[in-house]
Amino acid sequence: SELGEYINVLPAQQRYGAHWYRGTADAIYQNIYTIEREEPDYVLILAGDHVYKMDYSKMLQAHVESGADVTVGVVDLPKEEGRHFGVLELDKRDRIIGFEEKPLHPKTLPDRPDSICASMGIYIFSLNALYEELIPDAGKESEHDFGKNILPQMLGRRELLAYHFVDENQTEDLPYWRDIGTLEAYYEANMDLVTVSPQFNLYDQRWPVRTYQPQLPPVKMVFADPGDGARRGEALDSIISTGCVISGGSVARCVLSAQVRVNSYASVEDSVLMDGVDIGRRAKVKNAIIDKYVDILPDTTIGYDLEEDRKRFHVTKNGIVVIPKGRIIGPDEDRPRWEDHARASAFKPKS
């Protein structure tokens, strides 16, 4: 808000049929009235599950100066990543002359056979070109996807420009851009942040990461010796958000969202804990993603026996245990918590 900016989240309003968003292009088409209302010259389309720092005004300037119908943000990636991305073929002027969506055998860069030119899922459309491509696509049998449908059908008919990613992340490492559309990628991006020298710089005051900040007290660490053994509250190589209380428990290599509590003698390692998670006494958790407002009851163990965990939770192929929001988890129980606690009422089903 300090920048005079805002984000509106628009669920599918089914103005054009009784269906939800059928693809990335359909999501824009179903909300085309919002674009018409603003009457812009250009439309910037972004992916919501990527992490990077980028000055879009530079990309817009390149688009305007080139006179292209669409400009696609691109980044160089290792060849083996091609099966996860749209792969582009460029001419010497960075015009797009070929496009393959997630190919098993992608075309590599002419001077670097181990690398590809991948689409970042960032597009700038000139307004008329956007209308003229989206409206016919909406009436076709297709996946209504920019990468699979819209861009390939524009090849040879319109001017498509590639804009090479310029990283604004102030580190000495390679450019930082992560697609976190899978659980493994989401987990790894969080673990990137707790390394000794993180690749993604959250502490750059020149290019701050702006987000919603709830009004909560500072982090509190509790150390006590009540007579039955010392309780040391500590957090090592971790990011701890406001409102968290580490009350005699131990946290290592973790990302803790707001109002997480770790109680006496508990241990949490290599994990991502979202808002309001409560880790009970003597509980042990590692290699986990725990969603909002989950109570882990005392003496519960998660992440140490994956075969047992698979009987109760989703476990990724890399051994990350994923626990959905609004649950009470104990050694022998797994139940919804909204019957027990008012703060999870937001997750109670409507009926």
Protein backbone atom coordinates (compact mmCIF):
# COMPACT_ATOMS: atom_id res chain seq x y z
CA SER A 1 0.00 0.00 0.00
CA GLU A 2 2.93 2.37 0.58
CA LEU A 3 3.54 2.26 -3.19
CA GLY A 4 -0.07 2.99 -4.04
CA GLU A 5 -0.42 -0.50 -5.54
CA TYR A 6 -2.77 -3.40 -4.91
CA ILE A 7 -3.56 -6.94 -6.04
CA ASN A 8 -7.09 -8.16 -6.69
CA VAL A 9 -7.67 -11.90 -6.64
CA LEU A 10 -10.42 -12.76 -9.12
CA PRO A 11 -11.93 -16.25 -8.91
CA ALA A 12 -13.63 -17.63 -12.00
CA GLN A 13 -16.95 -15.82 -12.30
CA GLN A 14 -18.26 -18.08 -15.07
CA ARG A 15 -19.34 -15.15 -17.24
CA TYR A 16 -18.70 -17.16 -20.40
CA GLY A 17 -19.83 -20.63 -19.39
CA ALA A 18 -20.27 -22.98 -16.46
CA HIS A 19 -16.61 -23.84 -16.09
CA TRP A 20 -13.66 -22.73 -14.01
CA TYR A 21 -10.34 -21.63 -15.47
CA ARG A 22 -9.38 -24.16 -18.13
CA GLY A 23 -5.87 -22.86 -18.74
CA THR A 24 -3.65 -19.81 -18.45
CA ALA A 25 -5.16 -18.13 -21.52
CA ASP A 26 -8.71 -18.92 -20.39
CA ALA A 27 -7.99 -17.30 -17.02
CA ILE A 28 -7.19 -14.04 -18.85
CA TYR A 29 -10.13 -14.42 -21.23
CA GLN A 30 -12.64 -14.92 -18.42
CA ASN A 31 -11.48 -11.65 -16.85
CA ILE A 32 -11.11 -9.71 -20.09
CA TYR A 33 -13.73 -7.23 -18.92
CA THR A 34 -11.27 -5.95 -16.29
CA ILE A 35 -8.75 -5.21 -19.05
CA GLU A 36 -11.41 -3.49 -21.17
CA ARG A 37 -12.33 -1.32 -18.20
CA GLU A 38 -8.74 -0.10 -17.76
CA GLU A 39 -8.13 0.50 -21.50
CA PRO A 40 -4.36 -0.12 -21.40
CA ASP A 41 -1.99 -0.09 -24.38
CA TYR A 42 -0.11 -3.14 -23.12
CA VAL A 43 -0.89 -6.04 -20.78
CA LEU A 44 1.77 -7.69 -18.61
CA ILE A 45 0.95 -11.32 -17.75
CA LEU A 46 2.88 -13.00 -14.92
CA ALA A 47 3.10 -16.47 -13.44
CA GLY A 48 2.10 -16.60 -9.79
CA ASP A 49 4.34 -19.49 -8.70
CA HIS A 50 7.80 -18.13 -9.51
CA VAL A 51 10.44 -16.49 -7.30
CA TYR A 52 12.78 -13.84 -8.77
CA LYS A 53 13.53 -10.11 -8.80
CA MET A 54 12.92 -8.33 -12.08
CA ASP A 55 12.31 -4.77 -13.31
CA TYR A 56 9.38 -5.17 -15.68
CA SER A 57 9.76 -1.61 -16.98
CA LYS A 58 12.93 -2.66 -18.83
CA MET A 59 11.04 -5.47 -20.53
CA LEU A 60 8.20 -3.11 -21.41
CA GLN A 61 10.64 -0.63 -22.92
CA ALA A 62 12.12 -3.38 -25.10
CA HIS A 63 8.63 -4.42 -26.19
CA VAL A 64 7.58 -0.90 -27.14
CA GLU A 65 10.81 -0.12 -29.01
CA SER A 66 10.66 -3.38 -30.99
CA GLY A 67 7.05 -2.97 -32.11
CA ALA A 68 6.43 -6.65 -31.31
CA ASP A 69 2.94 -8.07 -30.77
CA VAL A 70 4.14 -10.06 -27.77
CA THR A 71 7.37 -10.18 -25.79
CA VAL A 72 8.25 -13.30 -23.82
CA GLY A 73 10.58 -13.26 -20.82
CA VAL A 74 13.23 -15.96 -21.23
CA VAL A 75 16.00 -17.45 -19.12
CA ASP A 76 18.82 -19.87 -19.97
CA LEU A 77 18.52 -23.21 -18.18
CA PRO A 78 20.30 -26.58 -18.31
CA LYS A 79 19.13 -28.83 -21.14
CA GLU A 80 17.67 -31.45 -18.76
CA GLU A 81 15.17 -28.87 -17.47
CA GLY A 82 13.53 -28.63 -20.90
CA ARG A 83 10.81 -31.15 -20.07
CA HIS A 84 9.42 -28.71 -17.46
CA PHE A 85 9.28 -25.52 -19.56
CA GLY A 86 8.37 -24.01 -22.87
CA VAL A 87 11.55 -24.00 -24.98
CA LEU A 88 12.13 -21.25 -27.54
CA GLU A 89 14.22 -21.04 -30.70
CA LEU A 90 15.50 -17.54 -31.52
CA ASP A 91 17.06 -15.82 -34.49
CA LYS A 92 19.99 -13.39 -34.26
CA ARG A 93 17.64 -10.49 -33.42
CA ASP A 94 16.00 -12.39 -30.54
CA ARG A 95 12.81 -12.91 -32.56
CA ILE A 96 11.06 -16.16 -31.67
CA ILE A 97 11.03 -18.57 -34.61
CA GLY A 98 10.20 -21.80 -32.77
CA PHE A 99 8.34 -22.84 -29.63
CA GLU A 100 7.96 -26.27 -27.99
CA GLU A 101 6.04 -26.84 -24.77
CA LYS A 102 7.88 -29.19 -22.37
CA PRO A 103 9.71 -31.24 -25.04
CA LEU A 104 11.53 -34.44 -24.09
CA HIS A 105 14.32 -33.56 -26.54
CA PRO A 106 14.54 -29.76 -26.54
CA LYS A 107 16.45 -27.66 -29.03
CA THR A 108 19.58 -26.26 -27.39
CA LEU A 109 21.35 -22.95 -27.82
CA PRO A 110 23.59 -22.84 -30.94
CA ASP A 111 26.71 -21.92 -28.96
CA ARG A 112 25.86 -23.96 -25.85
CA PRO A 113 24.57 -27.48 -26.53
CA ASP A 114 24.04 -28.09 -22.81
CA SER A 115 21.61 -25.14 -22.38
CA ILE A 116 18.15 -24.12 -23.55
CA CYS A 117 16.23 -20.87 -23.84
CA ALA A 118 13.19 -21.33 -21.58
CA SER A 119 10.04 -19.27 -21.27
CA MET A 120 9.58 -17.70 -17.83
CA GLY A 121 5.80 -17.55 -18.25
CA ILE A 122 6.04 -13.74 -18.42
CA TYR A 123 4.38 -12.05 -21.41
CA ILE A 124 3.77 -8.49 -22.54
CA PHE A 125 1.02 -8.25 -25.16
CA SER A 126 0.04 -5.27 -27.21
CA LEU A 127 -3.65 -4.95 -26.45
CA ASN A 128 -5.12 -5.62 -29.92
CA ALA A 129 -2.91 -8.67 -30.40
CA LEU A 130 -4.10 -10.07 -27.06
CA TYR A 131 -7.77 -9.63 -27.97
CA GLU A 132 -7.29 -11.08 -31.45
CA GLU A 133 -5.64 -14.23 -30.09
CA LEU A 134 -7.68 -14.87 -26.95
CA ILE A 135 -11.17 -14.48 -28.38
CA PRO A 136 -10.83 -17.05 -31.22
CA ASP A 137 -9.01 -19.47 -28.88
CA ALA A 138 -11.91 -19.35 -26.41
CA GLY A 139 -14.19 -20.95 -29.00
CA LYS A 140 -11.78 -23.71 -29.98
CA GLU A 141 -11.21 -27.18 -28.59
CA SER A 142 -7.83 -26.62 -26.96
CA GLU A 143 -6.12 -26.45 -23.58
CA HIS A 144 -6.42 -22.64 -23.70
CA ASP A 145 -2.82 -22.27 -22.61
CA PHE A 146 -0.36 -19.56 -23.62
CA GLY A 147 2.54 -21.98 -23.97
CA LYS A 148 0.67 -24.83 -25.63
CA ASN A 149 -1.76 -22.89 -27.81
CA ILE A 150 -1.51 -19.10 -28.01
CA LEU A 151 2.20 -18.62 -28.70
CA PRO A 152 2.60 -21.53 -31.16
CA GLN A 153 -0.37 -20.34 -33.21
CA MET A 154 1.16 -16.84 -33.40
CA LEU A 155 4.43 -18.07 -34.96
CA GLY A 156 4.82 -16.89 -38.53
CA ARG A 157 1.80 -14.56 -38.27
CA ARG A 158 2.95 -12.04 -35.67
CA GLU A 159 6.10 -10.51 -34.24
CA LEU A 160 7.29 -12.41 -31.16
CA LEU A 161 10.26 -11.03 -29.24
CA ALA A 162 12.33 -12.73 -26.55
CA TYR A 163 13.51 -10.62 -23.61
CA HIS A 164 16.42 -12.09 -21.67
CA PHE A 165 15.96 -12.05 -17.91
CA VAL A 166 17.95 -9.35 -16.09
CA ASP A 167 18.28 -10.34 -12.43
CA GLU A 168 17.86 -7.56 -9.84
CA ASN A 169 18.86 -9.93 -7.02
CA GLN A 170 22.05 -8.50 -5.54
CA THR A 171 24.26 -11.57 -5.14
CA GLU A 172 27.38 -12.78 -6.89
CA ASP A 173 25.79 -16.08 -7.85
CA LEU A 174 24.09 -17.03 -11.09
CA PRO A 175 20.76 -15.31 -11.83
CA TYR A 176 18.09 -16.48 -9.38
CA TRP A 177 14.81 -17.64 -10.88
CA ARG A 178 12.81 -20.52 -9.47
CA ASP A 179 9.58 -22.12 -10.64
CA ILE A 180 7.96 -23.40 -7.43
CA GLY A 181 5.00 -25.12 -9.04
CA THR A 182 5.77 -28.49 -7.40
CA LEU A 183 6.09 -29.44 -3.75
CA GLU A 184 9.77 -30.31 -4.18
CA ALA A 185 10.55 -27.00 -5.87
CA TYR A 186 8.58 -25.08 -3.23
CA TYR A 187 10.48 -26.85 -0.45
CA GLU A 188 13.86 -26.31 -2.10
CA ALA A 189 13.18 -22.59 -2.62
CA ASN A 190 12.43 -22.24 1.10
CA MET A 191 15.58 -24.16 2.00
CA ASP A 192 17.54 -21.80 -0.26
CA LEU A 193 16.66 -19.02 2.17
CA VAL A 194 18.21 -20.62 5.26
CA THR A 195 21.66 -21.33 3.85
CA VAL A 196 24.58 -19.38 5.30
CA SER A 197 24.79 -17.18 2.17
CA PRO A 198 21.36 -17.40 0.53
CA GLN A 199 21.24 -17.03 -3.25
CA PHE A 200 17.98 -15.10 -2.99
CA ASN A 201 18.65 -11.90 -1.05
CA LEU A 202 15.74 -10.96 1.23
CA TYR A 203 17.81 -8.28 2.95
CA ASP A 204 18.58 -5.98 0.03
CA GLN A 205 17.11 -2.59 1.01
CA ARG A 206 17.53 -1.36 -2.57
CA TRP A 207 15.11 -4.05 -3.80
CA PRO A 208 12.94 -5.10 -0.85
CA VAL A 209 10.41 -7.91 -0.94
CA ARG A 210 7.08 -6.31 -0.05
CA THR A 211 4.38 -8.39 1.57
CA TYR A 212 1.51 -8.21 4.01
CA GLN A 213 2.74 -7.63 7.57
CA PRO A 214 0.30 -8.56 10.36
CA GLN A 215 0.45 -6.59 13.60
CA LEU A 216 2.14 -9.16 15.82
CA PRO A 217 4.71 -9.09 18.65
CA PRO A 218 8.39 -9.94 18.06
CA VAL A 219 9.80 -13.45 18.16
CA LYS A 220 10.26 -14.83 21.69
CA MET A 221 12.80 -17.45 22.77
CA VAL A 222 12.33 -19.17 26.14
CA PHE A 223 15.06 -20.81 28.21
CA ALA A 224 14.14 -22.20 31.63
CA ASP A 225 15.27 -24.73 34.20
CA PRO A 226 12.09 -25.79 36.03
CA GLY A 227 13.77 -28.57 37.94
CA ASP A 228 12.99 -31.39 35.52
CA GLY A 229 15.76 -30.41 33.10
CA ALA A 230 16.70 -27.26 31.21
CA ARG A 231 14.52 -26.17 28.31
CA ARG A 232 16.55 -24.31 25.74
CA GLY A 233 14.63 -22.33 23.14
CA GLU A 234 16.87 -21.93 20.11
CA ALA A 235 16.75 -21.47 16.35
CA LEU A 236 19.76 -22.13 14.11
CA ASP A 237 20.09 -21.27 10.40
CA SER A 238 16.38 -20.45 10.26
CA ILE A 239 13.97 -17.69 9.29
CA ILE A 240 11.48 -16.93 12.06
CA SER A 241 8.46 -14.68 11.43
CA THR A 242 6.73 -12.33 13.83
CA GLY A 243 4.59 -13.72 16.62
CA CYS A 244 6.54 -16.99 16.90
CA VAL A 245 7.41 -18.46 20.30
CA ILE A 246 10.24 -20.98 20.64
CA SER A 247 9.43 -22.11 24.18
CA GLY A 248 12.17 -24.52 25.14
CA GLY A 249 12.22 -26.26 21.75
CA SER A 250 14.87 -26.49 19.06
CA VAL A 251 14.57 -25.31 15.44
CA ALA A 252 17.24 -25.88 12.77
CA ARG A 253 17.23 -25.00 9.06
CA CYS A 254 13.56 -24.09 9.03
CA VAL A 255 11.23 -21.38 7.73
CA LEU A 256 8.57 -20.48 10.31
CA SER A 257 5.60 -18.35 9.31
CA ALA A 258 3.74 -16.09 11.73
CA GLN A 259 2.52 -17.30 15.14
CA VAL A 260 4.21 -20.69 15.12
CA ARG A 261 4.90 -22.18 18.56
CA VAL A 262 7.50 -24.83 19.34
CA ASN A 263 7.12 -26.21 22.84
CA SER A 264 9.55 -27.69 25.36
CA TYR A 265 11.97 -30.41 24.25
CA ALA A 266 10.48 -30.47 20.74
CA SER A 267 12.77 -30.62 17.71
CA VAL A 268 12.02 -29.28 14.21
CA GLU A 269 14.56 -29.63 11.39
CA ASP A 270 14.65 -28.86 7.65
CA SER A 271 10.97 -27.95 7.55
CA VAL A 272 8.52 -25.26 6.43
CA LEU A 273 5.84 -24.39 9.01
CA MET A 274 3.00 -22.10 8.00
CA ASP A 275 0.88 -19.74 10.13
CA GLY A 276 -0.33 -20.91 13.51
CA VAL A 277 1.34 -24.33 13.61
CA ASP A 278 1.81 -25.64 17.16
CA ILE A 279 4.52 -28.24 17.83
CA GLY A 280 3.82 -30.10 21.08
CA ARG A 281 6.26 -31.13 23.80
CA ARG A 282 8.86 -33.73 22.83
CA ALA A 283 7.53 -33.90 19.26
CA LYS A 284 10.11 -34.49 16.51
CA VAL A 285 9.63 -33.17 12.98
CA LYS A 286 11.99 -33.12 10.02
CA ASN A 287 11.77 -32.77 6.22
CA ALA A 288 8.17 -31.57 6.35
CA ILE A 289 5.83 -28.95 4.96
CA ILE A 290 3.09 -28.26 7.50
CA ASP A 291 0.19 -26.09 6.37
CA LYS A 292 -1.66 -23.51 8.46
CA TYR A 293 -3.17 -24.11 11.88
CA VAL A 294 -1.97 -27.65 12.46
CA ASP A 295 -1.47 -28.94 16.01
CA ILE A 296 1.27 -31.55 16.32
CA LEU A 297 0.48 -33.20 19.65
CA PRO A 298 3.13 -34.12 22.24
CA ASP A 299 5.43 -37.09 21.50
CA THR A 300 4.48 -37.18 17.79
CA THR A 301 7.20 -38.09 15.31
CA ILE A 302 7.07 -36.97 11.66
CA GLY A 303 9.69 -37.46 8.96
CA TYR A 304 11.72 -40.17 10.67
CA ASP A 305 9.84 -43.23 9.36
CA LEU A 306 8.61 -42.46 5.86
CA GLU A 307 6.83 -45.81 5.46
CA GLU A 308 4.69 -45.03 8.47
CA ASP A 309 4.21 -41.44 7.34
CA ARG A 310 2.94 -42.60 3.92
CA LYS A 311 0.08 -44.41 5.65
CA ARG A 312 -1.23 -41.08 6.97
CA PHE A 313 0.19 -38.24 4.87
CA HIS A 314 1.37 -37.35 1.41
CA VAL A 315 5.11 -37.98 1.06
CA THR A 316 6.89 -36.70 -2.05
CA LYS A 317 9.35 -38.77 -4.05
CA ASN A 318 12.17 -36.87 -2.31
CA GLY A 319 10.85 -37.80 1.13
CA ILE A 320 9.13 -34.55 2.10
CA VAL A 321 6.14 -35.12 4.39
CA VAL A 322 3.20 -32.82 3.61
CA ILE A 323 0.47 -32.18 6.19
CA PRO A 324 -2.69 -30.28 5.14
CA LYS A 325 -4.09 -27.35 7.08
CA GLY A 326 -6.46 -27.40 9.98
CA ARG A 327 -5.52 -30.81 11.43
CA ILE A 328 -4.73 -32.23 14.84
CA ILE A 329 -1.96 -34.81 14.46
CA GLY A 330 -0.94 -37.20 17.23
CA PRO A 331 0.86 -40.54 17.47
CA ASP A 332 -2.44 -42.34 16.90
CA GLU A 333 -4.80 -39.68 15.58
CA ASP A 334 -5.42 -37.38 12.66
CA ARG A 335 -8.57 -35.26 12.75
CA PRO A 336 -9.87 -31.80 11.81
CA ARG A 337 -9.26 -29.13 14.41
CA TRP A 338 -12.15 -26.74 13.71
CA GLU A 339 -14.27 -28.62 16.23
CA ASP A 340 -11.61 -27.89 18.83
CA HIS A 341 -10.31 -24.40 18.16
CA ALA A 342 -11.89 -21.18 16.92
CA ARG A 343 -8.79 -19.97 15.08
CA ALA A 344 -9.25 -22.69 12.44
CA SER A 345 -12.85 -21.69 11.75
CA ALA A 346 -11.83 -20.19 8.40
CA PHE A 347 -11.16 -23.69 7.16
CA LYS A 348 -14.43 -25.23 8.24
CA PRO A 349 -16.44 -26.51 5.26
CA LYS A 350 -19.56 -24.54 4.32
CA SER A 351 -21.72 -27.63 4.80
